[in-house]
C-alpha atoms as a PDB file:
ATOM      1  CA  MET A   1      71.053 129.745  54.073  1.00  0.00           C
ATOM      2  CA  ASP A   2      73.177 129.298  51.101  1.00  0.00           C
ATOM      3  CA  LEU A   3      76.679 127.746  51.057  1.00  0.00           C
ATOM      4  CA  LYS A   4      79.358 129.003  48.601  1.00  0.00           C
ATOM      5  CA  SER A   5      82.862 128.312  48.296  1.00  0.00           C
ATOM      6  CA  ALA A   6      85.569 130.594  46.520  1.00  0.00           C
ATOM      7  CA  ASP A   7      88.424 128.139  46.455  1.00  0.00           C
ATOM      8  CA  VAL A   8      88.051 124.276  47.140  1.00  0.00           C
ATOM      9  CA  LEU A   9      85.701 121.854  48.498  1.00  0.00           C
ATOM     10  CA  HIS A  10      84.447 122.283  51.768  1.00  0.00           C
ATOM     11  CA  SER A  11      82.066 120.679  54.058  1.00  0.00           C
ATOM     12  CA  PHE A  12      79.785 122.563  56.453  1.00  0.00           C
ATOM     13  CA  PHE A  13      79.201 120.244  59.463  1.00  0.00           C
ATOM     14  CA  LEU A  14      76.705 121.077  62.260  1.00  0.00           C
ATOM     15  CA  PRO A  15      76.682 117.615  64.081  1.00  0.00           C
ATOM     16  CA  ASN A  16      73.906 118.998  66.781  1.00  0.00           C
ATOM     17  CA  ALA A  17      71.689 119.890  64.028  1.00  0.00           C
ATOM     18  CA  ARG A  18      72.388 116.746  62.059  1.00  0.00           C
ATOM     19  CA  VAL A  19      73.764 118.902  59.097  1.00  0.00           C
ATOM     20  CA  LYS A  20      76.253 118.045  56.729  1.00  0.00           C
ATOM     21  CA  GLN A  21      76.721 119.540  53.096  1.00  0.00           C
ATOM     22  CA  ASP A  22      79.675 120.183  50.994  1.00  0.00           C
ATOM     23  CA  ALA A  23      80.235 123.644  49.408  1.00  0.00           C
ATOM     24  CA  VAL A  24      81.465 123.400  45.895  1.00  0.00           C
ATOM     25  CA  PRO A  25      83.256 126.151  44.082  1.00  0.00           C
ATOM     26  CA  GLY A  26      81.183 128.073  41.738  1.00  0.00           C
ATOM     27  CA  MET A  27      77.890 126.621  43.252  1.00  0.00           C
ATOM     28  CA  LYS A  28      75.363 128.124  45.544  1.00  0.00           C
ATOM     29  CA  ILE A  29      73.889 125.337  47.419  1.00  0.00           C
ATOM     30  CA  PRO A  30      70.859 125.831  49.887  1.00  0.00           C
ATOM     31  CA  VAL A  31      70.592 124.203  53.195  1.00  0.00           C
ATOM     32  CA  TRP A  32      67.750 124.255  55.566  1.00  0.00           C
ATOM     33  CA  PHE A  33      67.773 123.343  59.337  1.00  0.00           C
ATOM     34  CA  ARG A  34      65.598 123.741  62.336  1.00  0.00           C
ATOM     35  CA  ALA A  35      67.719 124.440  65.674  1.00  0.00           C
ATOM     36  CA  THR A  36      65.436 123.479  68.443  1.00  0.00           C
ATOM     37  CA  GLU A  37      67.582 123.572  71.402  1.00  0.00           C
ATOM     38  CA  ILE A  38      68.820 126.975  72.929  1.00  0.00           C
ATOM     39  CA  GLY A  39      72.680 127.017  73.316  1.00  0.00           C
ATOM     40  CA  LYS A  40      75.957 127.497  71.272  1.00  0.00           C
ATOM     41  CA  TYR A  41      77.165 124.754  68.836  1.00  0.00           C
ATOM     42  CA  ASP A  42      80.672 124.236  67.310  1.00  0.00           C
ATOM     43  CA  LEU A  43      80.613 124.521  63.494  1.00  0.00           C
ATOM     44  CA  VAL A  44      83.426 123.056  61.741  1.00  0.00           C
ATOM     45  CA  CYS A  45      84.693 122.090  58.083  1.00  0.00           C
ATOM     46  CA  ALA A  46      84.625 118.366  57.818  1.00  0.00           C
ATOM     47  CA  GLU A  47      86.612 118.308  54.511  1.00  0.00           C
ATOM     48  CA  LEU A  48      90.421 118.372  54.708  1.00  0.00           C
ATOM     49  CA  CYS A  49      90.410 121.378  52.336  1.00  0.00           C
ATOM     50  CA  GLY A  50      94.042 123.007  52.617  1.00  0.00           C
ATOM     51  CA  TRP A  51      96.551 124.634  54.859  1.00  0.00           C
ATOM     52  CA  GLY A  52      94.183 126.703  56.801  1.00  0.00           C
ATOM     53  CA  HIS A  53      91.656 123.668  57.442  1.00  0.00           C
ATOM     54  CA  TYR A  54      92.551 123.659  61.145  1.00  0.00           C
ATOM     55  CA  LYS A  55      91.247 127.500  61.588  1.00  0.00           C
ATOM     56  CA  MET A  56      87.981 126.994  59.965  1.00  0.00           C
ATOM     57  CA  LYS A  57      85.502 126.956  62.587  1.00  0.00           C
ATOM     58  CA  GLY A  58      82.531 128.998  63.815  1.00  0.00           C
ATOM     59  CA  ARG A  59      79.927 128.949  66.224  1.00  0.00           C
ATOM     60  CA  LEU A  60      75.964 128.717  65.976  1.00  0.00           C
ATOM     61  CA  THR A  61      74.044 130.615  68.665  1.00  0.00           C
ATOM     62  CA  VAL A  62      70.478 129.329  69.122  1.00  0.00           C
ATOM     63  CA  GLU A  63      68.511 131.967  71.391  1.00  0.00           C
ATOM     64  CA  SER A  64      64.756 132.324  72.303  1.00  0.00           C
ATOM     65  CA  ARG A  65      62.732 134.559  70.039  1.00  0.00           C
ATOM     66  CA  GLU A  66      62.644 137.127  73.052  1.00  0.00           C
ATOM     67  CA  ASP A  67      66.275 137.360  73.252  1.00  0.00           C
ATOM     68  CA  PHE A  68      67.016 137.566  69.603  1.00  0.00           C
ATOM     69  CA  ASP A  69      64.256 140.422  69.257  1.00  0.00           C
ATOM     70  CA  LYS A  70      66.182 142.226  72.283  1.00  0.00           C
ATOM     71  CA  TRP A  71      69.726 141.709  70.673  1.00  0.00           C
ATOM     72  CA  LEU A  72      68.319 142.782  67.062  1.00  0.00           C
ATOM     73  CA  ALA A  73      66.854 146.059  68.793  1.00  0.00           C
ATOM     74  CA  GLU A  74      70.127 147.001  70.354  1.00  0.00           C
ATOM     75  CA  ARG A  75      72.192 146.561  67.348  1.00  0.00           C
ATOM     76  CA  TRP A  76      69.391 148.681  65.512  1.00  0.00           C
ATOM     77  CA  GLN A  77      70.082 151.487  68.221  1.00  0.00           C
ATOM     78  CA  GLU A  78      73.721 151.277  67.794  1.00  0.00           C
ATOM     79  CA  GLN A  79      73.427 151.573  64.041  1.00  0.00           C
ATOM     80  CA  GLU A  80      70.956 154.626  64.268  1.00  0.00           C
ATOM     81  CA  ALA A  81      73.476 156.378  66.772  1.00  0.00           C
ATOM     82  CA  THR A  82      76.204 156.325  64.216  1.00  0.00           C
ATOM     83  CA  GLN A  83      73.865 157.815  61.435  1.00  0.00           C
ATOM     84  CA  ASP A  84      74.042 161.774  60.508  1.00  0.00           C
ATOM     85  CA  PRO A  85      70.283 162.842  61.001  1.00  0.00           C
ATOM     86  CA  HIS A  86      70.847 165.893  58.788  1.00  0.00           C
ATOM     87  CA  LYS A  87      72.261 164.037  55.760  1.00  0.00           C
ATOM     88  CA  GLU A  88      69.777 162.717  52.921  1.00  0.00           C
ATOM     89  CA  VAL A  89      70.072 159.010  52.067  1.00  0.00           C
ATOM     90  CA  GLY A  90      71.131 158.851  48.538  1.00  0.00           C
ATOM     91  CA  GLY A  91      71.514 162.428  48.000  1.00  0.00           C
ATOM     92  CA  ASP A  92      74.341 165.172  47.818  1.00  0.00           C
ATOM     93  CA  ASN A  93      73.854 167.284  51.072  1.00  0.00           C
ATOM     94  CA  GLU A  94      77.176 168.823  51.429  1.00  0.00           C
END
């Protein structure tokens, strides 16, 4: 994945995957890691980056390939259900 920051220095920290990388404003920094254990893991900013620092958190969900493929197929079906089958993509059909 690529880390980017629009404002100040942040520090992407995923302790369970042994990943810690600074995000620097104006730079795109590639980060690579391999998640090997199925589960949910907390993601935090390890840099005191400002007033909103305490709210900066996320979650990494690691699933089996089968569970991920099932989830992806469900999202695809949801997306397809919202599309108008009579409208051309990229054209004016009105």
